[in-house]
Amino acid sequence: MYALAHIRKTRLGLTQAAFAELAEVNQSTVSRWERGELSPTVEEVNRIIAGAKKLKVELAPNEFFARPPAAAAEARA
């Protein structure tokens, strides 16, 4: 799931391990999310949003399933 990698890297600036801690999952789960093998549950998304708030970053649930800005621009080209 490219959106999750975008959120993790650009919005939160976290490693997969730190993001996993924020979401209360294993790092391998984050890796599988980013490869599209799994999708986060509603509870996991809510934990990520709550953790992001602690980092002073506001996330909306739809961001997890939207195409990141750079990828959307590439798709139009």
N, C-alpha and C. Protein backbone atom coordinates (compact mmCIF):
# COMPACT_ATOMS: atom_id res chain seq x y z
N MET A 1 0.85 -1.17 0.00
CA MET A 1 0.00 0.00 0.00
C MET A 1 0.90 1.23 0.00
N TYR A 2 0.99 1.87 -1.15
CA TYR A 2 1.89 2.99 -1.29
C TYR A 2 1.52 4.16 -0.40
N ALA A 3 0.22 4.38 -0.16
CA ALA A 3 -0.22 5.49 0.69
C ALA A 3 0.36 5.37 2.09
N LEU A 4 0.42 4.16 2.61
CA LEU A 4 0.96 3.97 3.96
C LEU A 4 2.44 4.31 4.00
N ALA A 5 3.18 3.90 3.01
CA ALA A 5 4.61 4.23 2.97
C ALA A 5 4.80 5.75 2.88
N HIS A 6 3.96 6.40 2.09
CA HIS A 6 4.02 7.86 1.96
C HIS A 6 3.74 8.52 3.31
N ILE A 7 2.70 8.09 3.98
CA ILE A 7 2.35 8.65 5.30
C ILE A 7 3.50 8.44 6.27
N ARG A 8 4.02 7.22 6.30
CA ARG A 8 5.09 6.89 7.24
C ARG A 8 6.34 7.72 6.99
N LYS A 9 6.75 7.82 5.72
CA LYS A 9 8.00 8.49 5.39
C LYS A 9 7.88 10.01 5.39
N THR A 10 6.89 10.54 4.68
CA THR A 10 6.84 11.99 4.47
C THR A 10 6.03 12.74 5.51
N ARG A 11 4.94 12.16 5.95
CA ARG A 11 4.09 12.86 6.93
C ARG A 11 4.61 12.69 8.35
N LEU A 12 5.07 11.46 8.68
CA LEU A 12 5.50 11.18 10.05
C LEU A 12 7.01 11.10 10.21
N GLY A 13 7.73 10.82 9.13
CA GLY A 13 9.19 10.72 9.20
C GLY A 13 9.67 9.59 10.08
N LEU A 14 9.00 8.45 10.00
CA LEU A 14 9.33 7.32 10.86
C LEU A 14 9.89 6.15 10.06
N THR A 15 10.71 5.36 10.74
CA THR A 15 11.16 4.09 10.16
C THR A 15 10.01 3.10 10.26
N GLN A 16 10.14 1.98 9.58
CA GLN A 16 9.11 0.95 9.70
C GLN A 16 9.00 0.47 11.14
N ALA A 17 10.12 0.35 11.83
CA ALA A 17 10.10 -0.12 13.22
C ALA A 17 9.38 0.88 14.13
N ALA A 18 9.65 2.17 13.96
CA ALA A 18 8.99 3.18 14.78
C ALA A 18 7.50 3.27 14.44
N PHE A 19 7.17 3.14 13.16
CA PHE A 19 5.77 3.16 12.74
C PHE A 19 5.04 1.95 13.32
N ALA A 20 5.70 0.81 13.33
CA ALA A 20 5.11 -0.40 13.89
C ALA A 20 4.81 -0.21 15.38
N GLU A 21 5.72 0.42 16.09
CA GLU A 21 5.50 0.68 17.50
C GLU A 21 4.30 1.60 17.69
N LEU A 22 4.19 2.61 16.86
CA LEU A 22 3.07 3.55 16.91
C LEU A 22 1.74 2.82 16.68
N ALA A 23 1.72 1.88 15.73
CA ALA A 23 0.51 1.14 15.38
C ALA A 23 0.29 -0.08 16.26
N GLU A 24 1.26 -0.37 17.12
CA GLU A 24 1.20 -1.54 18.02
C GLU A 24 1.11 -2.85 17.23
N VAL A 25 1.97 -2.94 16.20
CA VAL A 25 2.09 -4.15 15.39
C VAL A 25 3.57 -4.47 15.22
N ASN A 26 3.88 -5.58 14.58
CA ASN A 26 5.27 -5.93 14.27
C ASN A 26 5.74 -5.17 13.05
N GLN A 27 7.05 -4.98 12.94
CA GLN A 27 7.64 -4.31 11.78
C GLN A 27 7.31 -5.09 10.51
N SER A 28 7.27 -6.40 10.60
CA SER A 28 6.94 -7.20 9.42
C SER A 28 5.52 -6.93 8.93
N THR A 29 4.62 -6.59 9.84
CA THR A 29 3.25 -6.23 9.45
C THR A 29 3.26 -4.94 8.65
N VAL A 30 4.04 -3.96 9.08
CA VAL A 30 4.15 -2.69 8.34
C VAL A 30 4.71 -2.97 6.94
N SER A 31 5.71 -3.80 6.86
CA SER A 31 6.29 -4.16 5.57
C SER A 31 5.24 -4.80 4.66
N ARG A 32 4.43 -5.68 5.20
CA ARG A 32 3.38 -6.33 4.41
C ARG A 32 2.30 -5.34 4.00
N TRP A 33 1.99 -4.36 4.86
CA TRP A 33 1.04 -3.31 4.48
C TRP A 33 1.58 -2.55 3.28
N GLU A 34 2.85 -2.17 3.37
CA GLU A 34 3.44 -1.35 2.32
C GLU A 34 3.59 -2.09 1.00
N ARG A 35 3.73 -3.41 1.05
CA ARG A 35 3.81 -4.21 -0.18
C ARG A 35 2.42 -4.57 -0.71
N GLY A 36 1.38 -4.24 0.06
CA GLY A 36 0.03 -4.54 -0.38
C GLY A 36 -0.44 -5.94 -0.08
N GLU A 37 0.31 -6.67 0.75
CA GLU A 37 -0.07 -8.03 1.11
C GLU A 37 -1.16 -8.05 2.18
N LEU A 38 -1.22 -7.01 2.98
CA LEU A 38 -2.22 -6.85 4.04
C LEU A 38 -2.69 -5.41 4.04
N SER A 39 -3.83 -5.20 4.62
CA SER A 39 -4.32 -3.84 4.86
C SER A 39 -4.53 -3.68 6.36
N PRO A 40 -4.29 -2.49 6.88
CA PRO A 40 -4.52 -2.28 8.31
C PRO A 40 -6.01 -2.35 8.63
N THR A 41 -6.31 -2.84 9.81
CA THR A 41 -7.69 -2.89 10.27
C THR A 41 -8.13 -1.49 10.69
N VAL A 42 -9.40 -1.33 10.91
CA VAL A 42 -9.92 -0.05 11.39
C VAL A 42 -9.26 0.31 12.71
N GLU A 43 -9.10 -0.66 13.58
CA GLU A 43 -8.46 -0.40 14.88
C GLU A 43 -7.02 0.05 14.71
N GLU A 44 -6.30 -0.58 13.78
CA GLU A 44 -4.91 -0.19 13.54
C GLU A 44 -4.82 1.21 12.96
N VAL A 45 -5.71 1.54 12.03
CA VAL A 45 -5.73 2.90 11.47
C VAL A 45 -6.01 3.91 12.58
N ASN A 46 -6.94 3.59 13.45
CA ASN A 46 -7.25 4.51 14.56
C ASN A 46 -6.06 4.69 15.49
N ARG A 47 -5.30 3.61 15.73
CA ARG A 47 -4.09 3.73 16.57
C ARG A 47 -3.04 4.60 15.88
N ILE A 48 -2.90 4.46 14.58
CA ILE A 48 -1.94 5.28 13.83
C ILE A 48 -2.35 6.75 13.90
N ILE A 49 -3.63 7.02 13.70
CA ILE A 49 -4.13 8.40 13.76
C ILE A 49 -3.89 8.99 15.15
N ALA A 50 -4.17 8.21 16.19
CA ALA A 50 -3.96 8.68 17.57
C ALA A 50 -2.47 8.93 17.82
N GLY A 51 -1.61 8.03 17.35
CA GLY A 51 -0.17 8.20 17.53
C GLY A 51 0.34 9.41 16.76
N ALA A 52 -0.20 9.64 15.58
CA ALA A 52 0.20 10.80 14.78
C ALA A 52 -0.15 12.10 15.50
N LYS A 53 -1.29 12.12 16.16
CA LYS A 53 -1.69 13.32 16.91
C LYS A 53 -0.68 13.65 17.99
N LYS A 54 -0.12 12.60 18.62
CA LYS A 54 0.92 12.83 19.63
C LYS A 54 2.17 13.45 19.01
N LEU A 55 2.38 13.19 17.72
CA LEU A 55 3.51 13.76 16.99
C LEU A 55 3.14 15.09 16.34
N LYS A 56 1.94 15.59 16.65
CA LYS A 56 1.43 16.87 16.12
C LYS A 56 1.17 16.81 14.61
N VAL A 57 0.76 15.63 14.13
CA VAL A 57 0.41 15.45 12.72
C VAL A 57 -1.04 14.99 12.66
N GLU A 58 -1.85 15.72 11.93
CA GLU A 58 -3.25 15.35 11.76
C GLU A 58 -3.40 14.46 10.53
N LEU A 59 -3.95 13.28 10.72
CA LEU A 59 -4.21 12.37 9.62
C LEU A 59 -5.71 12.09 9.56
N ALA A 60 -6.23 11.93 8.36
CA ALA A 60 -7.62 11.55 8.17
C ALA A 60 -7.66 10.10 7.67
N PRO A 61 -8.67 9.33 8.06
CA PRO A 61 -8.73 7.93 7.63
C PRO A 61 -8.66 7.74 6.12
N ASN A 62 -9.22 8.66 5.35
CA ASN A 62 -9.19 8.50 3.89
C ASN A 62 -7.78 8.61 3.31
N GLU A 63 -6.84 9.20 4.03
CA GLU A 63 -5.46 9.31 3.54
C GLU A 63 -4.81 7.94 3.38
N PHE A 64 -5.27 6.96 4.14
CA PHE A 64 -4.67 5.64 4.11
C PHE A 64 -5.00 4.89 2.82
N PHE A 65 -6.01 5.35 2.11
CA PHE A 65 -6.46 4.66 0.92
C PHE A 65 -6.41 5.54 -0.33
N ALA A 66 -5.96 6.77 -0.18
CA ALA A 66 -5.86 7.70 -1.30
C ALA A 66 -4.47 7.60 -1.92
N ARG A 67 -4.39 7.95 -3.17
CA ARG A 67 -3.11 7.98 -3.86
C ARG A 67 -2.34 9.21 -3.39
N PRO A 68 -1.08 9.05 -2.94
CA PRO A 68 -0.28 10.21 -2.52
C PRO A 68 -0.13 11.21 -3.66
N PRO A 69 0.07 12.49 -3.35
CA PRO A 69 0.15 13.54 -4.39
C PRO A 69 1.12 13.23 -5.52
N ALA A 70 2.31 12.75 -5.22
CA ALA A 70 3.31 12.49 -6.26
C ALA A 70 2.85 11.36 -7.17
N ALA A 71 2.25 10.33 -6.60
CA ALA A 71 1.78 9.20 -7.41
C ALA A 71 0.59 9.62 -8.27
N ALA A 72 -0.26 10.48 -7.76
CA ALA A 72 -1.40 10.96 -8.55
C ALA A 72 -0.92 11.77 -9.74
N ALA A 73 0.10 12.59 -9.55
CA ALA A 73 0.65 13.38 -10.65
C ALA A 73 1.28 12.48 -11.70
N GLU A 74 1.97 11.43 -11.28
CA GLU A 74 2.59 10.50 -12.21
C GLU A 74 1.53 9.77 -13.02
N ALA A 75 0.42 9.43 -12.40
CA ALA A 75 -0.65 8.71 -13.09
C ALA A 75 -1.29 9.56 -14.18
N ARG A 76 -1.33 10.88 -13.95
CA ARG A 76 -1.92 11.79 -14.94
C ARG A 76 -0.98 12.03 -16.12
N ALA A 77 0.31 11.86 -15.92
CA ALA A 77 1.31 12.15 -16.97
C ALA A 77 1.32 11.11 -18.05
